[in-house]
Amino acid sequence: MLRKKLKIVALCGMGMGTVFLIKMNIEKVLKELQIPAEVIASNISSLSLGHDTDLIVASMDFEKLLKDKPVRKIFLKNLIDIGELKTKMVAVLKEMGYL
């Protein structure tokens, strides 16, 4: 079954350097899982979620701020731990029917 290409927003409040690292890790996990997606890097001040955003990946610091956003979210304790990211992404992608 053909599924739509995911749209994922990588979000960070520390600066654009960190968010690009998160974005690269997301892309690495998606490539390994063979899931096509558009990954966008954003900071909290310029966050704009379109109706087509499927997933936000962000620091645990943003959990309260984003709780009411009508989109799936992954909150990371360690922003550079690709193992934590992969574990959480696999769980969400299974829920979404991509795995």
N, C-alpha and C. Protein backbone atom coordinates (compact mmCIF):
# COMPACT_ATOMS: atom_id res chain seq x y z
N MET A 1 0.84 -1.17 0.00
CA MET A 1 0.00 0.00 0.00
C MET A 1 0.90 1.25 0.00
N LEU A 2 0.60 2.19 -0.86
CA LEU A 2 1.36 3.42 -0.96
C LEU A 2 0.87 4.42 0.08
N ARG A 3 1.79 4.90 0.90
CA ARG A 3 1.43 5.88 1.92
C ARG A 3 1.99 7.23 1.55
N LYS A 4 1.36 8.27 2.05
CA LYS A 4 1.84 9.61 1.75
C LYS A 4 3.20 9.85 2.41
N LYS A 5 3.95 10.73 1.79
CA LYS A 5 5.24 11.12 2.33
C LYS A 5 5.01 11.90 3.62
N LEU A 6 5.68 11.49 4.68
CA LEU A 6 5.53 12.15 5.98
C LEU A 6 6.13 13.55 5.96
N LYS A 7 5.54 14.44 6.74
CA LYS A 7 6.12 15.76 6.96
C LYS A 7 6.43 15.85 8.45
N ILE A 8 7.72 16.00 8.76
CA ILE A 8 8.19 16.01 10.14
C ILE A 8 8.88 17.34 10.42
N VAL A 9 8.55 17.94 11.55
CA VAL A 9 9.21 19.18 11.97
C VAL A 9 10.14 18.87 13.14
N ALA A 10 11.43 19.14 12.96
CA ALA A 10 12.41 19.05 14.03
C ALA A 10 12.44 20.41 14.71
N LEU A 11 12.26 20.42 16.02
CA LEU A 11 12.10 21.68 16.74
C LEU A 11 13.09 21.78 17.89
N CYS A 12 13.70 22.94 18.03
CA CYS A 12 14.64 23.16 19.11
C CYS A 12 14.62 24.62 19.52
N GLY A 13 14.93 24.88 20.76
CA GLY A 13 14.99 26.25 21.24
C GLY A 13 16.41 26.69 21.51
N MET A 14 17.37 25.79 21.30
CA MET A 14 18.77 26.08 21.61
C MET A 14 19.48 26.83 20.50
N GLY A 15 18.97 26.76 19.31
CA GLY A 15 19.64 27.38 18.18
C GLY A 15 19.57 26.49 16.97
N MET A 16 19.84 27.05 15.83
CA MET A 16 19.68 26.31 14.59
C MET A 16 20.72 25.20 14.42
N GLY A 17 21.87 25.31 15.05
CA GLY A 17 22.87 24.24 14.94
C GLY A 17 22.35 22.94 15.51
N THR A 18 21.75 23.01 16.68
CA THR A 18 21.21 21.81 17.33
C THR A 18 20.05 21.23 16.54
N VAL A 19 19.18 22.07 16.04
CA VAL A 19 18.02 21.56 15.31
C VAL A 19 18.45 20.89 14.01
N PHE A 20 19.52 21.36 13.38
CA PHE A 20 19.99 20.69 12.17
C PHE A 20 20.59 19.33 12.49
N LEU A 21 21.20 19.18 13.66
CA LEU A 21 21.69 17.88 14.10
C LEU A 21 20.52 16.92 14.31
N ILE A 22 19.45 17.41 14.95
CA ILE A 22 18.25 16.59 15.15
C ILE A 22 17.67 16.20 13.79
N LYS A 23 17.59 17.14 12.88
CA LYS A 23 17.07 16.89 11.54
C LYS A 23 17.88 15.80 10.84
N MET A 24 19.20 15.89 10.91
CA MET A 24 20.05 14.88 10.27
C MET A 24 19.84 13.51 10.89
N ASN A 25 19.68 13.45 12.21
CA ASN A 25 19.44 12.17 12.87
C ASN A 25 18.08 11.58 12.47
N ILE A 26 17.07 12.43 12.36
CA ILE A 26 15.75 11.97 11.90
C ILE A 26 15.87 11.39 10.49
N GLU A 27 16.56 12.10 9.61
CA GLU A 27 16.73 11.63 8.23
C GLU A 27 17.51 10.32 8.19
N LYS A 28 18.49 10.16 9.06
CA LYS A 28 19.26 8.92 9.12
C LYS A 28 18.37 7.74 9.52
N VAL A 29 17.53 7.94 10.55
CA VAL A 29 16.61 6.89 11.00
C VAL A 29 15.61 6.55 9.90
N LEU A 30 15.04 7.57 9.27
CA LEU A 30 14.06 7.33 8.20
C LEU A 30 14.67 6.59 7.02
N LYS A 31 15.90 6.92 6.68
CA LYS A 31 16.58 6.23 5.57
C LYS A 31 16.78 4.76 5.92
N GLU A 32 17.21 4.50 7.15
CA GLU A 32 17.41 3.13 7.60
C GLU A 32 16.10 2.34 7.56
N LEU A 33 15.00 3.00 7.90
CA LEU A 33 13.68 2.35 7.92
C LEU A 33 12.99 2.39 6.55
N GLN A 34 13.62 3.05 5.59
CA GLN A 34 13.10 3.19 4.23
C GLN A 34 11.72 3.85 4.20
N ILE A 35 11.61 4.95 4.94
CA ILE A 35 10.36 5.71 4.98
C ILE A 35 10.61 7.09 4.40
N PRO A 36 9.91 7.43 3.31
CA PRO A 36 10.10 8.76 2.71
C PRO A 36 9.45 9.85 3.55
N ALA A 37 10.18 10.94 3.72
CA ALA A 37 9.64 12.05 4.51
C ALA A 37 10.35 13.35 4.17
N GLU A 38 9.65 14.42 4.40
CA GLU A 38 10.23 15.76 4.33
C GLU A 38 10.47 16.18 5.78
N VAL A 39 11.72 16.50 6.11
CA VAL A 39 12.05 16.91 7.46
C VAL A 39 12.45 18.38 7.44
N ILE A 40 11.76 19.17 8.25
CA ILE A 40 11.97 20.61 8.29
C ILE A 40 12.56 20.98 9.65
N ALA A 41 13.61 21.79 9.65
CA ALA A 41 14.21 22.30 10.88
C ALA A 41 13.57 23.64 11.22
N SER A 42 13.18 23.79 12.49
CA SER A 42 12.54 25.04 12.92
C SER A 42 12.93 25.35 14.35
N ASN A 43 12.85 26.61 14.72
CA ASN A 43 13.00 26.96 16.13
C ASN A 43 11.62 27.37 16.64
N ILE A 44 11.50 27.43 17.93
CA ILE A 44 10.18 27.65 18.53
C ILE A 44 9.57 28.99 18.13
N SER A 45 10.40 30.00 17.92
CA SER A 45 9.86 31.32 17.59
C SER A 45 9.30 31.39 16.17
N SER A 46 9.76 30.50 15.29
CA SER A 46 9.26 30.53 13.91
C SER A 46 8.42 29.31 13.57
N LEU A 47 7.98 28.56 14.59
CA LEU A 47 7.20 27.35 14.35
C LEU A 47 5.87 27.68 13.69
N SER A 48 5.65 27.04 12.57
CA SER A 48 4.39 27.17 11.85
C SER A 48 3.98 25.79 11.38
N LEU A 49 2.90 25.27 11.93
CA LEU A 49 2.45 23.94 11.57
C LEU A 49 1.33 24.03 10.55
N GLY A 50 1.57 23.44 9.41
CA GLY A 50 0.51 23.36 8.42
C GLY A 50 -0.37 22.17 8.72
N HIS A 51 -1.50 22.10 8.04
CA HIS A 51 -2.42 20.98 8.26
C HIS A 51 -1.82 19.65 7.82
N ASP A 52 -0.71 19.72 7.08
CA ASP A 52 -0.10 18.50 6.59
C ASP A 52 1.08 18.03 7.44
N THR A 53 1.36 18.69 8.57
CA THR A 53 2.43 18.25 9.45
C THR A 53 1.98 16.99 10.17
N ASP A 54 2.80 15.94 10.07
CA ASP A 54 2.45 14.65 10.67
C ASP A 54 3.06 14.43 12.04
N LEU A 55 4.23 15.03 12.27
CA LEU A 55 4.99 14.71 13.48
C LEU A 55 5.92 15.86 13.84
N ILE A 56 6.02 16.14 15.14
CA ILE A 56 7.01 17.08 15.66
C ILE A 56 7.98 16.28 16.51
N VAL A 57 9.27 16.54 16.34
CA VAL A 57 10.30 15.95 17.20
C VAL A 57 10.97 17.12 17.92
N ALA A 58 10.91 17.10 19.26
CA ALA A 58 11.41 18.23 20.04
C ALA A 58 11.96 17.78 21.39
N SER A 59 12.60 18.70 22.06
CA SER A 59 13.10 18.49 23.41
C SER A 59 11.93 18.36 24.38
N MET A 60 12.16 17.64 25.48
CA MET A 60 11.15 17.50 26.53
C MET A 60 10.73 18.87 27.06
N ASP A 61 11.58 19.87 26.90
CA ASP A 61 11.28 21.22 27.38
C ASP A 61 10.02 21.80 26.74
N PHE A 62 9.64 21.29 25.58
CA PHE A 62 8.50 21.84 24.84
C PHE A 62 7.21 21.06 25.05
N GLU A 63 7.24 20.05 25.92
CA GLU A 63 6.06 19.20 26.10
C GLU A 63 4.82 20.00 26.51
N LYS A 64 4.93 20.87 27.49
CA LYS A 64 3.76 21.66 27.93
C LYS A 64 3.32 22.64 26.85
N LEU A 65 4.27 23.27 26.21
CA LEU A 65 3.97 24.27 25.19
C LEU A 65 3.23 23.67 23.99
N LEU A 66 3.57 22.43 23.64
CA LEU A 66 3.01 21.80 22.44
C LEU A 66 1.87 20.83 22.71
N LYS A 67 1.50 20.66 23.98
CA LYS A 67 0.52 19.61 24.32
C LYS A 67 -0.81 19.75 23.58
N ASP A 68 -1.23 20.96 23.27
CA ASP A 68 -2.53 21.16 22.62
C ASP A 68 -2.46 21.18 21.09
N LYS A 69 -1.27 21.05 20.53
CA LYS A 69 -1.14 21.03 19.07
C LYS A 69 -1.69 19.71 18.54
N PRO A 70 -2.56 19.76 17.54
CA PRO A 70 -3.21 18.54 17.02
C PRO A 70 -2.31 17.76 16.05
N VAL A 71 -1.17 17.33 16.54
CA VAL A 71 -0.22 16.59 15.73
C VAL A 71 0.54 15.63 16.65
N ARG A 72 0.99 14.52 16.11
CA ARG A 72 1.77 13.58 16.92
C ARG A 72 3.10 14.24 17.29
N LYS A 73 3.60 13.87 18.48
CA LYS A 73 4.82 14.48 18.96
C LYS A 73 5.75 13.42 19.55
N ILE A 74 7.04 13.65 19.39
CA ILE A 74 8.07 12.87 20.07
C ILE A 74 8.89 13.87 20.86
N PHE A 75 9.03 13.61 22.17
CA PHE A 75 9.84 14.48 23.01
C PHE A 75 11.09 13.72 23.45
N LEU A 76 12.24 14.33 23.25
CA LEU A 76 13.52 13.69 23.53
C LEU A 76 14.15 14.23 24.80
N LYS A 77 14.71 13.31 25.61
CA LYS A 77 15.47 13.71 26.79
C LYS A 77 16.87 14.16 26.37
N ASN A 78 17.45 13.41 25.43
CA ASN A 78 18.80 13.70 24.95
C ASN A 78 18.71 13.96 23.44
N LEU A 79 18.89 15.20 23.04
CA LEU A 79 18.68 15.59 21.65
C LEU A 79 19.65 14.95 20.66
N ILE A 80 20.80 14.48 21.14
CA ILE A 80 21.77 13.90 20.21
C ILE A 80 21.86 12.38 20.30
N ASP A 81 21.02 11.77 21.12
CA ASP A 81 21.01 10.31 21.27
C ASP A 81 20.15 9.69 20.17
N ILE A 82 20.80 9.18 19.14
CA ILE A 82 20.06 8.61 18.00
C ILE A 82 19.32 7.34 18.41
N GLY A 83 19.80 6.64 19.43
CA GLY A 83 19.11 5.44 19.92
C GLY A 83 17.74 5.78 20.51
N GLU A 84 17.69 6.82 21.33
CA GLU A 84 16.42 7.27 21.90
C GLU A 84 15.48 7.72 20.78
N LEU A 85 16.01 8.48 19.84
CA LEU A 85 15.20 8.96 18.72
C LEU A 85 14.63 7.79 17.93
N LYS A 86 15.46 6.81 17.59
CA LYS A 86 15.00 5.68 16.78
C LYS A 86 13.93 4.88 17.52
N THR A 87 14.14 4.61 18.79
CA THR A 87 13.16 3.85 19.57
C THR A 87 11.80 4.54 19.57
N LYS A 88 11.81 5.85 19.81
CA LYS A 88 10.55 6.59 19.86
C LYS A 88 9.92 6.74 18.47
N MET A 89 10.75 6.92 17.45
CA MET A 89 10.21 7.04 16.09
C MET A 89 9.59 5.73 15.63
N VAL A 90 10.23 4.62 15.91
CA VAL A 90 9.69 3.31 15.51
C VAL A 90 8.31 3.11 16.15
N ALA A 91 8.18 3.44 17.43
CA ALA A 91 6.88 3.28 18.11
C ALA A 91 5.80 4.13 17.45
N VAL A 92 6.11 5.40 17.16
CA VAL A 92 5.12 6.30 16.55
C VAL A 92 4.81 5.87 15.12
N LEU A 93 5.83 5.49 14.37
CA LEU A 93 5.61 5.08 12.98
C LEU A 93 4.77 3.81 12.90
N LYS A 94 4.91 2.91 13.88
CA LYS A 94 4.05 1.73 13.94
C LYS A 94 2.60 2.14 14.20
N GLU A 95 2.39 3.07 15.14
CA GLU A 95 1.04 3.57 15.42
C GLU A 95 0.41 4.19 14.18
N MET A 96 1.23 4.85 13.38
CA MET A 96 0.74 5.54 12.19
C MET A 96 0.57 4.60 10.99
N GLY A 97 1.04 3.36 11.13
CA GLY A 97 0.89 2.39 10.05
C GLY A 97 1.99 2.42 9.01
N TYR A 98 3.12 3.06 9.34
CA TYR A 98 4.23 3.12 8.40
C TYR A 98 5.20 1.96 8.59
N LEU A 99 5.08 1.25 9.68
CA LEU A 99 5.92 0.07 9.93
C LEU A 99 5.04 -1.11 10.30
